[in-house]
Amino acid sequence: MLSRTAENLYWLARYVERAEYLARTIDATLRVTALPAAYIGKTNEWDSALLTAGVAASFYQTYEEANEHNVVEYLSFSPNNPSSIRNCIEAARLNSRSVRTALTSEMWDTINSAWIELQEVWSKGTSTREDLAKFLRFVQETSLRFDGSAYRTMLRNDAYWFSRMGVHLERADNTARILDVKYHVLLPEEEHVGGPLDFYQWSSILRSVSALTAYHWVYRETLKPWLIADLLILNDTLPRSLASCYGNLVRNLDQIGVAYGRQGPAQRHARGIRNRLEHSNMNDIFQHGVHEFIQEFIADNSRLGEIITKQYLI
């Protein structure tokens, strides 16, 4: 496969995954801000949404205040935000057009129809909460349709493996960032763990990664920070956990290595991260510091992206 084709497939999958994650983040933030002020506390949940998306610095270059209108506009439609949902879907369509023959008809139809519908939503706007909710559902359903189409219709060859690599690398980064915001930034110092604010913020995080029901199935307990961290970091039965993402990344990289007849630094780096996750436990992570652990993971995950680019995409 040409490196250009591999790059388009890889970034197509990343952009679709990123758009879904932003939609989930906005939806979860709307749920928390709809609660009475006594439950929300002094935190600005829209600030936390920006921090989770990694765009707080660029946001404040355009806006002065992080309120619902400004943040939803910036994360959803702003042309000045490279990672806005609108820009992600447009970039996904551009990449899919470049590799049209490598995609199945179902995958192409999903991206193309999403792009067409996005133009209609953009022209009409989302002036009401109901309109916004419909838009966020549309983005999440687009990602699910694309993911399902890829799983059900693609040949298990290098095109499929590069696409899945993009999904899991992006997903791991997103899960790590939302955990980091919670532990290091979001919870005020005067709030004690287990308080009302803590409960609703953790619920919001689990909703962002579709893990609220999974948490209760696995632990059958009320929300506890260390159990939530265990679920999202180490439990490889949860598709969005760091351990699950890296199990899939290692498998996909190994399959590419077999197909191309050689291993390389990307395979070794991914195995190193997976092995560290497999041999970690929550006691060690809490002693080391959750923020420090996640920051190291985010840096390693970003480094893997750079290695994959050098090894296969240029």
Protein backbone atom coordinates (compact mmCIF):
# COMPACT_ATOMS: atom_id res chain seq x y z
CA MET A 1 0.00 0.00 0.00
CA LEU A 2 1.19 3.52 -0.78
CA SER A 3 2.10 5.50 2.33
CA ARG A 4 -0.25 8.27 1.19
CA THR A 5 -3.18 5.84 1.10
CA ALA A 6 -2.28 4.49 4.55
CA GLU A 7 -2.08 8.04 5.90
CA ASN A 8 -5.53 8.95 4.53
CA LEU A 9 -7.12 5.83 6.05
CA TYR A 10 -5.39 6.40 9.38
CA TRP A 11 -6.48 10.05 9.65
CA LEU A 12 -9.96 9.37 8.32
CA ALA A 13 -10.55 7.03 11.26
CA ARG A 14 -9.00 9.47 13.74
CA TYR A 15 -11.15 12.37 12.61
CA VAL A 16 -14.37 10.35 12.85
CA GLU A 17 -13.44 9.13 16.33
CA ARG A 18 -12.53 12.66 17.42
CA ALA A 19 -15.85 14.08 16.20
CA GLU A 20 -17.77 11.47 18.19
CA TYR A 21 -15.73 12.16 21.31
CA LEU A 22 -16.39 15.90 21.08
CA ALA A 23 -20.11 15.25 20.69
CA ARG A 24 -20.05 13.01 23.77
CA THR A 25 -18.11 15.63 25.73
CA ILE A 26 -20.61 18.38 24.88
CA ASP A 27 -23.56 16.10 25.69
CA ALA A 28 -22.10 15.10 29.07
CA THR A 29 -21.35 18.74 29.93
CA LEU A 30 -24.91 19.77 29.07
CA ARG A 31 -26.21 17.09 31.44
CA VAL A 32 -24.07 18.37 34.32
CA THR A 33 -24.88 22.05 33.75
CA ALA A 34 -28.61 21.21 33.76
CA LEU A 35 -28.29 20.22 37.43
CA PRO A 36 -29.07 22.68 40.26
CA ALA A 37 -26.20 24.97 41.22
CA ALA A 38 -25.94 23.25 44.62
CA TYR A 39 -24.84 20.05 42.88
CA ILE A 40 -22.50 21.66 40.37
CA GLY A 41 -20.52 23.74 42.85
CA LYS A 42 -18.10 26.50 41.83
CA THR A 43 -16.52 24.80 38.85
CA ASN A 44 -17.09 25.95 35.30
CA GLU A 45 -17.98 22.75 33.47
CA TRP A 46 -17.49 24.44 30.09
CA ASP A 47 -13.88 25.16 31.03
CA SER A 48 -13.45 21.46 31.76
CA ALA A 49 -14.90 20.59 28.33
CA LEU A 50 -12.28 22.82 26.69
CA LEU A 51 -9.49 21.29 28.74
CA THR A 52 -10.66 17.79 27.88
CA ALA A 53 -10.70 18.65 24.18
CA GLY A 54 -7.23 20.21 24.48
CA VAL A 55 -8.30 23.52 22.93
CA ALA A 56 -8.53 25.86 25.94
CA ALA A 57 -5.59 28.05 24.83
CA SER A 58 -6.90 28.58 21.31
CA PHE A 59 -10.46 29.15 22.59
CA TYR A 60 -9.42 32.12 24.73
CA GLN A 61 -7.72 33.72 21.75
CA THR A 62 -11.20 34.06 20.22
CA TYR A 63 -13.57 34.29 23.20
CA GLU A 64 -13.37 35.97 26.58
CA GLU A 65 -15.78 33.71 28.48
CA ALA A 66 -16.30 29.95 28.54
CA ASN A 67 -20.09 29.71 28.56
CA GLU A 68 -22.46 27.27 26.89
CA HIS A 69 -22.99 29.27 23.69
CA ASN A 70 -19.31 30.04 23.09
CA VAL A 71 -17.97 26.58 23.90
CA VAL A 72 -20.64 24.69 21.93
CA GLU A 73 -20.02 26.96 18.95
CA TYR A 74 -16.23 26.54 19.18
CA LEU A 75 -16.27 22.76 19.65
CA SER A 76 -19.03 22.14 17.11
CA PHE A 77 -18.81 24.57 14.22
CA SER A 78 -15.94 27.03 14.52
CA PRO A 79 -13.76 27.15 11.38
CA ASN A 80 -10.98 28.57 13.60
CA ASN A 81 -10.83 25.35 15.65
CA PRO A 82 -9.04 22.61 13.65
CA SER A 83 -10.60 20.00 15.94
CA SER A 84 -14.21 21.24 15.80
CA ILE A 85 -16.81 18.64 14.83
CA ARG A 86 -17.42 20.47 11.57
CA ASN A 87 -13.73 20.49 10.64
CA CYS A 88 -13.31 16.84 11.70
CA ILE A 89 -16.14 15.66 9.44
CA GLU A 90 -14.91 17.81 6.56
CA ALA A 91 -11.37 16.48 6.99
CA ALA A 92 -12.73 12.93 7.19
CA ARG A 93 -14.61 13.41 3.92
CA LEU A 94 -11.54 14.91 2.25
CA ASN A 95 -9.46 11.91 3.32
CA SER A 96 -12.16 9.46 2.26
CA ARG A 97 -12.36 11.04 -1.21
CA SER A 98 -8.61 10.54 -1.58
CA VAL A 99 -8.94 6.81 -0.85
CA ARG A 100 -12.41 6.21 -2.29
CA THR A 101 -11.38 2.93 -3.91
CA ALA A 102 -9.95 1.60 -0.62
CA LEU A 103 -13.29 2.10 1.18
CA THR A 104 -16.41 0.00 0.90
CA SER A 105 -19.54 1.69 -0.45
CA GLU A 106 -21.11 1.64 3.03
CA MET A 107 -18.18 3.52 4.55
CA TRP A 108 -18.16 6.14 1.81
CA ASP A 109 -21.94 6.62 1.99
CA THR A 110 -21.74 7.16 5.75
CA ILE A 111 -19.10 9.88 5.51
CA ASN A 112 -20.54 11.56 2.45
CA SER A 113 -24.11 11.66 3.78
CA ALA A 114 -22.83 12.97 7.13
CA TRP A 115 -20.99 15.78 5.34
CA ILE A 116 -24.12 16.70 3.35
CA GLU A 117 -26.28 16.73 6.47
CA LEU A 118 -23.67 18.79 8.30
CA GLN A 119 -24.02 21.53 5.67
CA GLU A 120 -27.77 21.67 6.37
CA VAL A 121 -27.26 21.82 10.14
CA TRP A 122 -24.59 24.51 9.71
CA SER A 123 -26.91 26.66 7.59
CA LYS A 124 -29.88 26.30 9.98
CA GLY A 125 -27.92 26.45 13.23
CA THR A 126 -28.74 24.81 16.58
CA SER A 127 -30.65 27.59 18.27
CA THR A 128 -32.48 25.35 20.77
CA ARG A 129 -31.40 22.61 23.15
CA GLU A 130 -33.50 20.16 21.14
CA ASP A 131 -31.70 21.07 17.91
CA LEU A 132 -28.34 20.72 19.63
CA ALA A 133 -29.30 17.33 21.08
CA LYS A 134 -30.32 16.10 17.62
CA PHE A 135 -27.03 17.30 16.17
CA LEU A 136 -24.98 15.56 18.86
CA ARG A 137 -26.91 12.31 18.34
CA PHE A 138 -26.35 12.61 14.60
CA VAL A 139 -22.57 12.90 15.10
CA GLN A 140 -22.44 9.92 17.45
CA GLU A 141 -24.60 7.82 15.13
CA THR A 142 -22.39 8.74 12.17
CA SER A 143 -19.34 7.44 14.01
CA LEU A 144 -21.14 4.25 15.02
CA ARG A 145 -22.31 3.68 11.43
CA PHE A 146 -18.81 4.24 10.09
CA ASP A 147 -17.23 1.99 12.69
CA GLY A 148 -19.82 -0.72 12.11
CA SER A 149 -19.43 -0.48 8.34
CA ALA A 150 -15.66 -0.86 8.63
CA TYR A 151 -15.99 -3.86 10.94
CA ARG A 152 -18.64 -5.61 8.84
CA THR A 153 -17.51 -4.87 5.28
CA MET A 154 -13.73 -4.31 5.04
CA LEU A 155 -11.26 -7.00 4.07
CA ARG A 156 -8.87 -7.84 6.92
CA ASN A 157 -5.84 -6.39 5.13
CA ASP A 158 -3.49 -3.45 5.61
CA ALA A 159 -6.23 -0.92 4.76
CA TYR A 160 -8.33 -2.24 7.64
CA TRP A 161 -5.40 -2.36 10.06
CA PHE A 162 -4.30 1.22 9.38
CA SER A 163 -7.87 2.40 9.84
CA ARG A 164 -8.20 0.58 13.18
CA MET A 165 -4.85 1.92 14.34
CA GLY A 166 -6.20 5.45 13.87
CA VAL A 167 -9.34 4.63 15.87
CA HIS A 168 -7.53 3.14 18.84
CA LEU A 169 -4.74 5.71 19.01
CA GLU A 170 -7.29 8.55 19.03
CA ARG A 171 -9.55 6.76 21.49
CA ALA A 172 -6.70 6.15 23.94
CA ASP A 173 -5.72 9.83 23.84
CA ASN A 174 -9.30 10.94 24.45
CA THR A 175 -9.85 8.62 27.42
CA ALA A 176 -6.55 9.64 29.00
CA ARG A 177 -7.27 13.35 28.63
CA ILE A 178 -10.68 13.24 30.27
CA LEU A 179 -9.25 11.28 33.21
CA ASP A 180 -6.43 13.77 33.59
CA VAL A 181 -8.80 16.74 33.63
CA LYS A 182 -10.84 15.12 36.40
CA TYR A 183 -7.96 14.21 38.67
CA HIS A 184 -5.71 17.21 38.18
CA VAL A 185 -7.86 20.18 37.16
CA LEU A 186 -11.58 19.76 37.53
CA LEU A 187 -12.25 18.96 41.19
CA PRO A 188 -11.76 22.00 43.49
CA GLU A 189 -9.39 21.56 46.38
CA GLU A 190 -12.11 22.27 48.96
CA GLU A 191 -14.33 19.50 47.55
CA HIS A 192 -13.94 16.14 49.26
CA VAL A 193 -13.91 12.96 47.21
CA GLY A 194 -17.36 11.37 47.27
CA GLY A 195 -19.29 14.65 47.59
CA PRO A 196 -22.23 15.60 45.33
CA LEU A 197 -19.96 17.50 42.95
CA ASP A 198 -17.63 14.54 42.74
CA PHE A 199 -20.49 12.11 41.99
CA TYR A 200 -21.97 14.10 39.12
CA GLN A 201 -18.61 14.89 37.55
CA TRP A 202 -17.66 11.21 37.58
CA SER A 203 -21.04 10.32 36.08
CA SER A 204 -20.33 12.87 33.37
CA ILE A 205 -16.95 11.29 32.63
CA LEU A 206 -18.40 7.80 32.38
CA ARG A 207 -21.13 9.04 30.03
CA SER A 208 -18.46 10.66 27.87
CA VAL A 209 -16.89 7.27 27.22
CA SER A 210 -20.14 5.22 27.23
CA ALA A 211 -19.07 3.43 30.39
CA LEU A 212 -21.69 4.28 33.03
CA THR A 213 -23.65 1.07 32.54
CA ALA A 214 -20.45 -0.94 32.14
CA TYR A 215 -19.19 0.39 35.49
CA HIS A 216 -22.24 -0.92 37.32
CA TRP A 217 -22.02 -4.27 35.53
CA VAL A 218 -18.36 -4.72 36.47
CA TYR A 219 -18.25 -3.37 40.03
CA ARG A 220 -21.87 -3.32 41.24
CA GLU A 221 -21.05 -0.41 43.55
CA THR A 222 -21.66 3.31 43.79
CA LEU A 223 -19.25 5.52 41.86
CA LYS A 224 -15.79 5.44 43.41
CA PRO A 225 -12.83 7.28 41.86
CA TRP A 226 -10.34 4.41 42.17
CA LEU A 227 -12.75 1.92 40.58
CA ILE A 228 -13.54 4.32 37.74
CA ALA A 229 -9.82 4.85 37.15
CA ASP A 230 -9.32 1.07 37.19
CA LEU A 231 -12.11 0.63 34.60
CA LEU A 232 -10.83 3.32 32.24
CA ILE A 233 -7.12 2.52 32.57
CA LEU A 234 -6.62 -1.18 33.24
CA ASN A 235 -9.82 -3.09 32.41
CA ASP A 236 -9.29 -4.47 28.92
CA THR A 237 -12.92 -5.61 28.63
CA LEU A 238 -14.01 -1.97 28.21
CA PRO A 239 -13.46 -0.94 24.56
CA ARG A 240 -12.44 2.62 25.46
CA SER A 241 -10.02 1.75 28.25
CA LEU A 242 -6.32 2.41 27.76
CA ALA A 243 -5.54 -1.30 28.14
CA SER A 244 -8.10 -2.31 25.51
CA CYS A 245 -6.90 0.35 23.06
CA TYR A 246 -3.31 -0.83 23.37
CA GLY A 247 -4.23 -4.49 23.09
CA ASN A 248 -5.83 -3.64 19.74
CA LEU A 249 -2.97 -1.37 18.66
CA VAL A 250 -0.40 -4.09 19.27
CA ARG A 251 -2.47 -6.65 17.34
CA ASN A 252 -2.97 -4.31 14.38
CA LEU A 253 0.69 -3.30 14.27
CA ASP A 254 1.77 -6.95 14.48
CA GLN A 255 -0.54 -7.84 11.58
CA ILE A 256 0.96 -5.04 9.50
CA GLY A 257 4.42 -6.25 10.45
CA VAL A 258 3.61 -9.79 9.30
CA ALA A 259 2.04 -8.53 6.06
CA TYR A 260 5.07 -6.36 5.24
CA GLY A 261 7.63 -8.90 6.44
CA ARG A 262 9.29 -6.77 9.11
CA GLN A 263 8.80 -5.33 12.57
CA GLY A 264 9.95 -1.88 13.58
CA PRO A 265 10.05 0.76 16.32
CA ALA A 266 6.25 1.25 16.22
CA GLN A 267 5.66 -2.39 17.20
CA ARG A 268 8.27 -2.23 19.96
CA HIS A 269 6.96 1.05 21.38
CA ALA A 270 3.34 -0.14 21.40
CA ARG A 271 4.32 -3.40 23.12
CA GLY A 272 6.22 -1.43 25.75
CA ILE A 273 3.16 0.66 26.60
CA ARG A 274 0.88 -2.39 26.63
CA ASN A 275 3.25 -4.30 28.91
CA ARG A 276 3.41 -1.37 31.32
CA LEU A 277 -0.40 -1.28 31.48
CA GLU A 278 -0.60 -5.06 31.95
CA HIS A 279 1.84 -4.97 34.86
CA SER A 280 0.32 -1.93 36.59
CA ASN A 281 -2.21 -1.91 39.39
CA MET A 282 -4.23 0.92 40.85
CA ASN A 283 -2.31 1.00 44.14
CA ASP A 284 0.95 1.68 42.29
CA ILE A 285 -0.72 4.23 40.00
CA PHE A 286 -2.21 6.17 42.92
CA GLN A 287 1.11 6.11 44.79
CA HIS A 288 2.95 7.33 41.70
CA GLY A 289 0.22 9.91 41.05
CA VAL A 290 -2.67 9.54 38.60
CA HIS A 291 -1.83 12.83 36.90
CA GLU A 292 1.80 11.85 36.44
CA PHE A 293 0.85 8.39 35.15
CA ILE A 294 -1.62 9.78 32.62
CA GLN A 295 0.72 12.55 31.48
CA GLU A 296 3.38 9.92 30.79
CA PHE A 297 0.82 7.85 28.92
CA ILE A 298 -0.35 10.81 26.79
CA ALA A 299 3.27 11.60 25.90
CA ASP A 300 3.98 7.95 25.03
CA ASN A 301 0.78 7.71 22.99
CA SER A 302 1.70 10.86 21.07
CA ARG A 303 5.17 9.45 20.52
CA LEU A 304 3.67 6.28 19.07
CA GLY A 305 1.72 8.41 16.60
CA GLU A 306 4.96 10.08 15.52
CA ILE A 307 6.73 6.72 15.15
CA ILE A 308 3.86 5.27 13.09
CA THR A 309 4.02 8.34 10.84
CA LYS A 310 7.77 7.98 10.26
CA GLN A 311 7.63 4.21 9.82
CA TYR A 312 4.61 3.94 7.52
CA LEU A 313 2.98 7.24 6.54
CA ILE A 314 5.78 9.29 4.93
